[in-house]
Amino acid sequence: MNDRIRPTRANKFLRGGFENIRQFTPNWFAVTMGTGVVYLVLEALSGASPIKRELAEWLWRIDIGMYAVFFMMFVGRLVLFSETIKPLLHHPMQSMFLGALPMGFAPIVNGVIAFSGPRYGDGAYSLAFGLWGVDAVTSLVVAIGVPYLVFTKQEHSADRLTAALLLPIVAPEVAASSAALLAPHLTPAHAQLVVGAGYLLWAVSVPLAFSILTLVLFRLVIHKLPHREVGVTSWLALGPIATGSLGLITLGEAAAKAFSGTALQSVAILARAFGVLGALLLWGSGLWWLACAVLFMWRYHREGLPFNLGWWGLTFPTGVYTLATLNLARATHSNAFLNIGVALQVILDLLWGAVLGRTIRGLIYERMFQAPCLSTELQVRMK
């Protein structure tokens, strides 16, 4: 009797695993984004605390494991269920989360620089250089490819527009911030190449992001807040502003070092000064969006905000804004910015803990692997 039951249970488990792969969505990579920015902030504040640094490194290792699992599931969906690729690419919301693939990978690259670099030296930095190149190219492909699908294949309307449109566009500027962290550990020629590419990635992303923010603002004025199911996307508006601020200040510092003693030395010094000023201006703009996002969340909370993976959108923008604040504190020697950064870190940790707890609970008690792009209605309409 038991011999008959065991294969049945095994087959049921196997079928459930394949169905989870089929239903896997790229917004799971937002989990690695949120976790990644937590350990990067923790590492930035570790200072002389070996315990904080050790905790940050362990979170980095866990993040690598999660990214590997998610990446294998994503590739498994593409290979085993190739018929689901078209619905994913044509879905006006799910396709946006393709930007989470390179953005979730960027903190891992930063971790190689921060944690493996001091331990293994040039070998680790060479590895980080190669991984960063993959991340930069992937971010450009997503930033160009997904908007092309928006322009040619997908159905969008002003009343359904959300800040999720920013996700594929923001990926290059996240890679730009990683470039600034990597450049000081490379040879002069490679450092100059990486810094130059970083500025290019920043330029591809930030102006387009502000164009989309204009559309988001227009949508809020005309059509008011989005439905509560996608309410957390309102928080995403902070992301490109915070990342743009972080990129300017860190790229400016990296440029001053990389081009020292070259014909572009004076330009690099100007870039460093402009980086601090530009980062401060963007930080102020982000403060307005942060205040609005808090008010939006308070209103949604009163109405009842259902949990979904979109909640991870609360973590990464907050974390990048925290990193920008801490870098401004270091560049300006301002205790005010340092105190704000520490307060933001506490908020980030609370948000991350709450969202992680809800995600784990959902995995245990609910069906978390569901691909909206595979709904019957959508497939019929696309045929």
Protein backbone atom coordinates (compact mmCIF):
# COMPACT_ATOMS: atom_id res chain seq x y z
CA MET A 1 0.00 0.00 0.00
CA ASN A 2 2.77 2.42 0.94
CA ASP A 3 4.64 1.60 -2.27
CA ARG A 4 1.64 2.82 -4.24
CA ILE A 5 1.25 6.03 -2.24
CA ARG A 6 4.85 7.18 -2.43
CA PRO A 7 5.07 7.49 -6.22
CA THR A 8 1.76 9.34 -6.28
CA ARG A 9 2.99 11.87 -3.74
CA ALA A 10 6.29 12.19 -5.55
CA ASN A 11 4.56 12.79 -8.86
CA LYS A 12 2.28 15.37 -7.26
CA PHE A 13 5.29 17.16 -5.77
CA LEU A 14 7.08 17.05 -9.14
CA ARG A 15 4.06 18.43 -10.98
CA GLY A 16 3.76 21.20 -8.39
CA GLY A 17 7.43 22.09 -8.87
CA PHE A 18 7.08 22.32 -12.64
CA GLU A 19 3.94 24.42 -12.25
CA ASN A 20 5.82 26.82 -9.96
CA ILE A 21 8.49 27.17 -12.66
CA ARG A 22 5.82 27.79 -15.29
CA GLN A 23 4.19 30.43 -13.07
CA PHE A 24 7.48 32.06 -12.02
CA THR A 25 7.51 35.83 -12.57
CA PRO A 26 10.49 38.21 -12.75
CA ASN A 27 9.15 40.30 -9.87
CA TRP A 28 10.70 37.67 -7.56
CA PHE A 29 14.03 39.33 -8.35
CA ALA A 30 12.75 42.33 -6.38
CA VAL A 31 13.40 40.16 -3.30
CA THR A 32 17.11 40.13 -4.14
CA MET A 33 17.01 43.86 -4.83
CA GLY A 34 15.52 44.61 -1.44
CA THR A 35 17.81 42.23 0.43
CA GLY A 36 20.82 43.50 -1.51
CA VAL A 37 20.33 47.11 -0.60
CA VAL A 38 19.91 46.16 3.08
CA TYR A 39 23.38 44.62 3.30
CA LEU A 40 24.92 47.44 1.27
CA VAL A 41 23.54 50.01 3.73
CA LEU A 42 24.66 47.83 6.63
CA GLU A 43 28.15 47.59 5.14
CA ALA A 44 28.26 51.37 4.60
CA LEU A 45 27.45 51.92 8.29
CA SER A 46 29.60 49.08 9.64
CA GLY A 47 32.63 51.32 10.28
CA ALA A 48 34.74 49.64 12.95
CA SER A 49 32.00 47.12 13.80
CA PRO A 50 33.07 43.63 12.66
CA ILE A 51 29.69 42.21 13.71
CA LYS A 52 27.76 44.48 11.36
CA ARG A 53 30.15 43.70 8.53
CA GLU A 54 29.87 39.97 9.17
CA LEU A 55 26.08 40.20 9.17
CA ALA A 56 26.17 42.16 5.91
CA GLU A 57 28.41 39.53 4.35
CA TRP A 58 26.10 36.69 5.40
CA LEU A 59 23.13 38.51 3.90
CA TRP A 60 25.17 38.89 0.70
CA ARG A 61 25.76 35.14 0.59
CA ILE A 62 22.08 34.43 1.17
CA ASP A 63 21.23 36.92 -1.58
CA ILE A 64 23.52 35.08 -3.99
CA GLY A 65 21.69 31.84 -3.20
CA MET A 66 18.27 33.40 -3.73
CA TYR A 67 19.31 35.01 -7.00
CA ALA A 68 20.70 31.69 -8.24
CA VAL A 69 17.43 29.89 -7.42
CA PHE A 70 15.30 32.58 -9.04
CA PHE A 71 17.53 32.70 -12.11
CA MET A 72 17.33 28.93 -12.57
CA MET A 73 13.55 29.06 -12.24
CA PHE A 74 13.35 31.90 -14.75
CA VAL A 75 15.57 30.09 -17.24
CA GLY A 76 13.56 26.93 -16.60
CA ARG A 77 10.37 28.76 -17.53
CA LEU A 78 11.92 30.08 -20.72
CA VAL A 79 13.30 26.68 -21.74
CA LEU A 80 10.57 24.30 -20.56
CA PHE A 81 7.61 26.57 -21.20
CA SER A 82 8.68 28.68 -24.14
CA GLU A 83 5.05 29.38 -25.00
CA THR A 84 4.90 31.64 -21.92
CA ILE A 85 7.58 34.04 -23.22
CA LYS A 86 5.26 36.02 -25.49
CA PRO A 87 2.58 36.58 -22.82
CA LEU A 88 5.30 37.76 -20.43
CA LEU A 89 6.81 40.22 -22.90
CA HIS A 90 3.40 41.58 -23.90
CA HIS A 91 2.05 41.96 -20.36
CA PRO A 92 2.00 45.68 -19.45
CA MET A 93 3.01 45.05 -15.82
CA GLN A 94 4.98 41.80 -15.63
CA SER A 95 7.35 42.81 -18.43
CA MET A 96 8.39 45.88 -16.40
CA PHE A 97 9.90 43.60 -13.77
CA LEU A 98 12.47 42.34 -16.25
CA GLY A 99 14.39 45.36 -15.03
CA ALA A 100 14.69 43.62 -11.66
CA LEU A 101 17.06 41.01 -13.15
CA PRO A 102 20.04 43.37 -13.62
CA MET A 103 19.06 45.51 -10.62
CA GLY A 104 18.94 42.45 -8.37
CA PHE A 105 22.35 41.38 -9.70
CA ALA A 106 24.04 44.75 -9.09
CA PRO A 107 24.14 44.45 -5.25
CA ILE A 108 25.75 41.02 -5.64
CA VAL A 109 28.49 42.58 -7.80
CA ASN A 110 28.93 45.31 -5.20
CA GLY A 111 29.24 42.60 -2.56
CA VAL A 112 32.09 40.97 -4.51
CA ILE A 113 33.89 44.34 -4.41
CA ALA A 114 33.14 45.07 -0.75
CA PHE A 115 33.52 41.61 0.79
CA SER A 116 35.67 39.47 -1.52
CA GLY A 117 37.95 42.26 -2.75
CA PRO A 118 39.75 42.96 0.54
CA ARG A 119 40.19 39.22 1.09
CA TYR A 120 41.22 37.96 -2.36
CA GLY A 121 42.61 41.07 -4.02
CA ASP A 122 42.95 41.51 -7.77
CA GLY A 123 41.26 38.20 -8.60
CA ALA A 124 38.05 39.30 -6.89
CA TYR A 125 38.16 42.72 -8.56
CA SER A 126 38.68 41.11 -11.96
CA LEU A 127 35.68 38.88 -11.31
CA ALA A 128 33.65 41.91 -10.29
CA PHE A 129 34.72 43.69 -13.48
CA GLY A 130 33.44 40.82 -15.62
CA LEU A 131 30.20 40.51 -13.66
CA TRP A 132 29.64 44.26 -13.85
CA GLY A 133 30.04 44.11 -17.63
CA VAL A 134 27.31 41.48 -17.82
CA ASP A 135 25.08 43.57 -15.57
CA ALA A 136 25.67 46.76 -17.57
CA VAL A 137 24.91 45.12 -20.92
CA THR A 138 21.82 43.40 -19.53
CA SER A 139 20.54 46.66 -18.07
CA LEU A 140 20.91 48.37 -21.46
CA VAL A 141 19.13 45.54 -23.26
CA VAL A 142 16.23 45.74 -20.80
CA ALA A 143 16.14 49.56 -20.86
CA ILE A 144 15.84 49.54 -24.65
CA GLY A 145 13.91 46.33 -25.26
CA VAL A 146 11.06 46.73 -22.77
CA PRO A 147 10.18 50.31 -23.83
CA TYR A 148 10.24 49.11 -27.45
CA LEU A 149 7.59 46.54 -26.52
CA VAL A 150 5.64 49.28 -24.74
CA PHE A 151 5.71 51.37 -27.91
CA THR A 152 4.82 48.56 -30.32
CA LYS A 153 3.05 45.62 -28.66
CA GLN A 154 1.61 46.40 -25.26
CA GLU A 155 -1.66 48.07 -24.36
CA HIS A 156 -1.39 51.02 -21.97
CA SER A 157 -3.72 53.84 -20.99
CA ALA A 158 -3.30 56.95 -18.88
CA ASP A 159 -5.69 55.78 -16.16
CA ARG A 160 -3.75 52.51 -15.67
CA LEU A 161 -0.27 54.03 -15.85
CA THR A 162 1.91 53.44 -12.76
CA ALA A 163 5.46 54.12 -11.66
CA ALA A 164 6.27 50.50 -12.54
CA LEU A 165 7.17 51.91 -15.98
CA LEU A 166 10.35 53.11 -14.31
CA LEU A 167 11.67 49.63 -13.54
CA PRO A 168 13.37 48.82 -16.87
CA ILE A 169 14.59 52.41 -17.27
CA VAL A 170 16.26 52.60 -13.84
CA ALA A 171 18.44 49.52 -14.38
CA PRO A 172 21.31 51.35 -16.19
CA GLU A 173 21.72 53.97 -13.47
CA VAL A 174 21.93 51.20 -10.86
CA ALA A 175 24.77 49.72 -12.93
CA ALA A 176 26.31 53.21 -13.08
CA SER A 177 26.48 53.36 -9.28
CA SER A 178 28.21 49.97 -9.26
CA ALA A 179 30.72 51.32 -11.80
CA ALA A 180 31.72 54.05 -9.37
CA LEU A 181 32.33 51.49 -6.63
CA LEU A 182 34.36 49.23 -8.93
CA ALA A 183 36.57 51.78 -10.72
CA PRO A 184 39.03 52.59 -7.87
CA HIS A 185 40.08 48.92 -7.75
CA LEU A 186 41.00 48.60 -11.44
CA THR A 187 43.99 49.58 -13.56
CA PRO A 188 43.93 53.22 -14.74
CA ALA A 189 42.83 52.27 -18.26
CA HIS A 190 40.03 50.02 -17.05
CA ALA A 191 39.00 52.52 -14.38
CA GLN A 192 38.63 55.25 -16.99
CA LEU A 193 36.62 52.92 -19.20
CA VAL A 194 34.30 51.94 -16.36
CA VAL A 195 33.77 55.54 -15.19
CA GLY A 196 33.03 56.69 -18.73
CA ALA A 197 30.58 53.83 -19.20
CA GLY A 198 29.04 54.70 -15.83
CA TYR A 199 28.28 58.23 -16.96
CA LEU A 200 26.83 56.88 -20.20
CA LEU A 201 24.56 54.50 -18.27
CA TRP A 202 23.50 57.35 -15.97
CA ALA A 203 22.68 59.53 -18.99
CA VAL A 204 20.63 56.78 -20.62
CA SER A 205 18.54 56.32 -17.50
CA VAL A 206 17.99 59.48 -15.47
CA PRO A 207 16.54 61.87 -18.13
CA LEU A 208 14.15 59.14 -19.31
CA ALA A 209 13.18 58.40 -15.72
CA PHE A 210 12.23 62.03 -15.15
CA SER A 211 10.16 61.94 -18.33
CA ILE A 212 8.23 59.00 -16.91
CA LEU A 213 7.91 60.76 -13.55
CA THR A 214 6.20 63.60 -15.42
CA LEU A 215 3.69 61.10 -16.81
CA VAL A 216 3.19 59.62 -13.34
CA LEU A 217 2.53 63.09 -11.94
CA PHE A 218 0.06 63.78 -14.75
CA ARG A 219 -1.73 60.51 -14.00
CA LEU A 220 -1.98 61.39 -10.31
CA VAL A 221 -3.46 64.80 -11.09
CA ILE A 222 -6.01 63.55 -13.63
CA HIS A 223 -6.84 60.03 -12.46
CA LYS A 224 -5.79 60.20 -8.78
CA LEU A 225 -4.11 57.31 -6.97
CA PRO A 226 -3.77 53.89 -8.61
CA HIS A 227 -5.89 50.98 -7.41
CA ARG A 228 -4.76 49.56 -4.09
CA GLU A 229 -3.61 46.33 -5.78
CA VAL A 230 -0.77 48.32 -7.34
CA GLY A 231 -0.61 51.02 -4.67
CA VAL A 232 2.95 50.19 -3.62
CA THR A 233 4.18 51.19 -7.10
CA SER A 234 3.79 54.79 -5.93
CA TRP A 235 6.93 54.22 -3.85
CA LEU A 236 8.95 53.38 -6.97
CA ALA A 237 9.08 57.04 -8.00
CA LEU A 238 11.74 57.57 -5.34
CA GLY A 239 14.04 54.97 -6.91
CA PRO A 240 15.47 56.76 -9.97
CA ILE A 241 15.88 60.02 -8.08
CA ALA A 242 17.79 58.34 -5.25
CA THR A 243 19.89 56.23 -7.61
CA GLY A 244 20.62 59.26 -9.77
CA SER A 245 21.79 61.16 -6.69
CA LEU A 246 23.98 58.26 -5.57
CA GLY A 247 25.43 57.84 -9.06
CA LEU A 248 26.39 61.48 -9.44
CA ILE A 249 28.27 61.73 -6.18
CA THR A 250 30.06 58.39 -6.46
CA LEU A 251 30.91 58.74 -10.15
CA GLY A 252 32.32 62.21 -9.50
CA GLU A 253 34.64 60.86 -6.83
CA ALA A 254 35.65 57.91 -9.01
CA ALA A 255 36.30 60.20 -12.00
CA ALA A 256 38.61 62.46 -9.98
CA LYS A 257 40.77 59.43 -9.13
CA ALA A 258 40.58 57.66 -12.48
CA PHE A 259 41.53 60.70 -14.59
CA SER A 260 44.09 62.20 -12.22
CA GLY A 261 47.20 63.22 -14.16
CA THR A 262 45.45 62.97 -17.54
CA ALA A 263 44.22 65.60 -19.99
CA LEU A 264 40.75 65.24 -18.45
CA GLN A 265 41.90 65.91 -14.89
CA SER A 266 40.27 69.36 -14.73
CA VAL A 267 37.01 67.96 -16.10
CA ALA A 268 37.11 65.14 -13.55
CA ILE A 269 37.63 67.59 -10.69
CA LEU A 270 34.64 69.57 -11.96
CA ALA A 271 32.66 66.32 -12.15
CA ARG A 272 33.42 65.67 -8.49
CA ALA A 273 32.22 69.13 -7.43
CA PHE A 274 29.15 68.90 -9.66
CA GLY A 275 28.49 65.40 -8.31
CA VAL A 276 28.05 66.73 -4.78
CA LEU A 277 25.85 69.63 -5.92
CA GLY A 278 23.80 67.49 -8.30
CA ALA A 279 23.37 64.76 -5.71
CA LEU A 280 22.12 67.33 -3.21
CA LEU A 281 19.59 68.72 -5.69
CA LEU A 282 18.29 65.27 -6.57
CA TRP A 283 18.19 64.34 -2.88
CA GLY A 284 15.92 67.33 -2.26
CA SER A 285 13.66 66.28 -5.13
CA GLY A 286 13.55 62.79 -3.69
CA LEU A 287 12.49 64.17 -0.33
CA TRP A 288 9.28 65.50 -1.90
CA TRP A 289 8.51 62.16 -3.55
CA LEU A 290 9.30 60.33 -0.32
CA ALA A 291 6.86 62.51 1.63
CA CYS A 292 4.16 61.92 -1.00
CA ALA A 293 4.82 58.17 -0.96
CA VAL A 294 4.43 58.06 2.82
CA LEU A 295 1.10 59.89 2.57
CA PHE A 296 -0.04 57.53 -0.20
CA MET A 297 0.84 54.47 1.90
CA TRP A 298 -1.00 55.91 4.89
CA ARG A 299 -4.13 56.33 2.77
CA TYR A 300 -3.79 52.84 1.25
CA HIS A 301 -3.29 51.35 4.70
CA ARG A 302 -6.58 52.86 5.85
CA GLU A 303 -8.35 51.35 2.84
CA GLY A 304 -6.65 47.98 3.22
CA LEU A 305 -3.51 47.20 1.22
CA PRO A 306 -3.38 43.57 0.05
CA PHE A 307 0.00 41.88 0.19
CA ASN A 308 1.80 40.92 -3.01
CA LEU A 309 5.40 40.84 -4.21
CA GLY A 310 5.05 44.50 -5.14
CA TRP A 311 5.61 45.25 -1.46
CA TRP A 312 9.32 44.69 -2.09
CA GLY A 313 9.16 48.01 -3.94
CA LEU A 314 9.18 49.62 -0.49
CA THR A 315 12.72 48.44 0.23
CA PHE A 316 15.02 49.18 -2.72
CA PRO A 317 14.07 52.87 -3.25
CA THR A 318 14.32 53.49 0.51
CA GLY A 319 17.68 51.74 0.63
CA VAL A 320 19.18 53.65 -2.31
CA TYR A 321 17.92 56.92 -0.85
CA THR A 322 19.65 55.92 2.40
CA LEU A 323 22.92 55.23 0.54
CA ALA A 324 22.67 58.61 -1.21
CA THR A 325 22.13 60.28 2.17
CA LEU A 326 25.13 58.54 3.73
CA ASN A 327 27.36 59.48 0.79
CA LEU A 328 26.25 63.10 1.09
CA ALA A 329 27.09 62.94 4.79
CA ARG A 330 30.58 61.69 3.96
CA ALA A 331 31.17 64.22 1.17
CA THR A 332 29.88 67.23 3.10
CA HIS A 333 30.97 66.10 6.60
CA SER A 334 27.43 66.84 7.73
CA ASN A 335 26.13 65.25 10.93
CA ALA A 336 22.61 66.15 9.85
CA PHE A 337 22.84 63.92 6.78
CA LEU A 338 24.47 61.19 8.87
CA ASN A 339 21.65 61.26 11.42
CA ILE A 340 19.03 61.17 8.65
CA GLY A 341 20.85 58.25 7.04
CA VAL A 342 20.89 56.29 10.30
CA ALA A 343 17.17 56.96 10.81
CA LEU A 344 16.44 55.84 7.24
CA GLN A 345 18.44 52.67 7.87
CA VAL A 346 16.22 51.80 10.82
CA ILE A 347 13.13 52.36 8.68
CA LEU A 348 14.65 50.26 5.89
CA ASP A 349 15.38 47.37 8.25
CA LEU A 350 11.83 47.47 9.61
CA LEU A 351 10.34 47.50 6.12
CA TRP A 352 12.59 44.68 4.97
CA GLY A 353 11.76 42.56 8.01
CA ALA A 354 8.03 43.11 7.61
CA VAL A 355 7.98 42.37 3.87
CA LEU A 356 10.25 39.34 4.28
CA GLY A 357 7.97 37.96 7.00
CA ARG A 358 4.89 38.40 4.84
CA THR A 359 6.65 36.76 1.89
CA ILE A 360 7.69 33.71 3.94
CA ARG A 361 4.17 33.43 5.31
CA GLY A 362 2.78 33.63 1.79
CA LEU A 363 5.10 30.85 0.62
CA ILE A 364 3.90 28.61 3.44
CA TYR A 365 0.18 29.29 3.47
CA GLU A 366 -0.66 30.84 0.11
CA ARG A 367 0.04 30.33 -3.56
CA MET A 368 2.77 32.84 -4.33
CA PHE A 369 3.82 31.57 -7.76
CA GLN A 370 1.18 33.02 -10.04
CA ALA A 371 1.82 34.64 -13.41
CA PRO A 372 -0.91 37.16 -14.29
CA CYS A 373 0.29 37.09 -17.89
CA LEU A 374 -0.88 33.48 -18.18
CA SER A 375 -4.50 34.19 -17.35
CA THR A 376 -7.00 32.71 -19.83
CA GLU A 377 -8.53 36.04 -20.67
CA LEU A 378 -5.23 37.64 -21.61
CA GLN A 379 -4.10 34.72 -23.75
CA VAL A 380 -7.38 34.71 -25.68
CA ARG A 381 -7.09 38.44 -26.34
CA MET A 382 -3.50 38.12 -27.57
CA LYS A 383 -4.21 35.33 -30.09
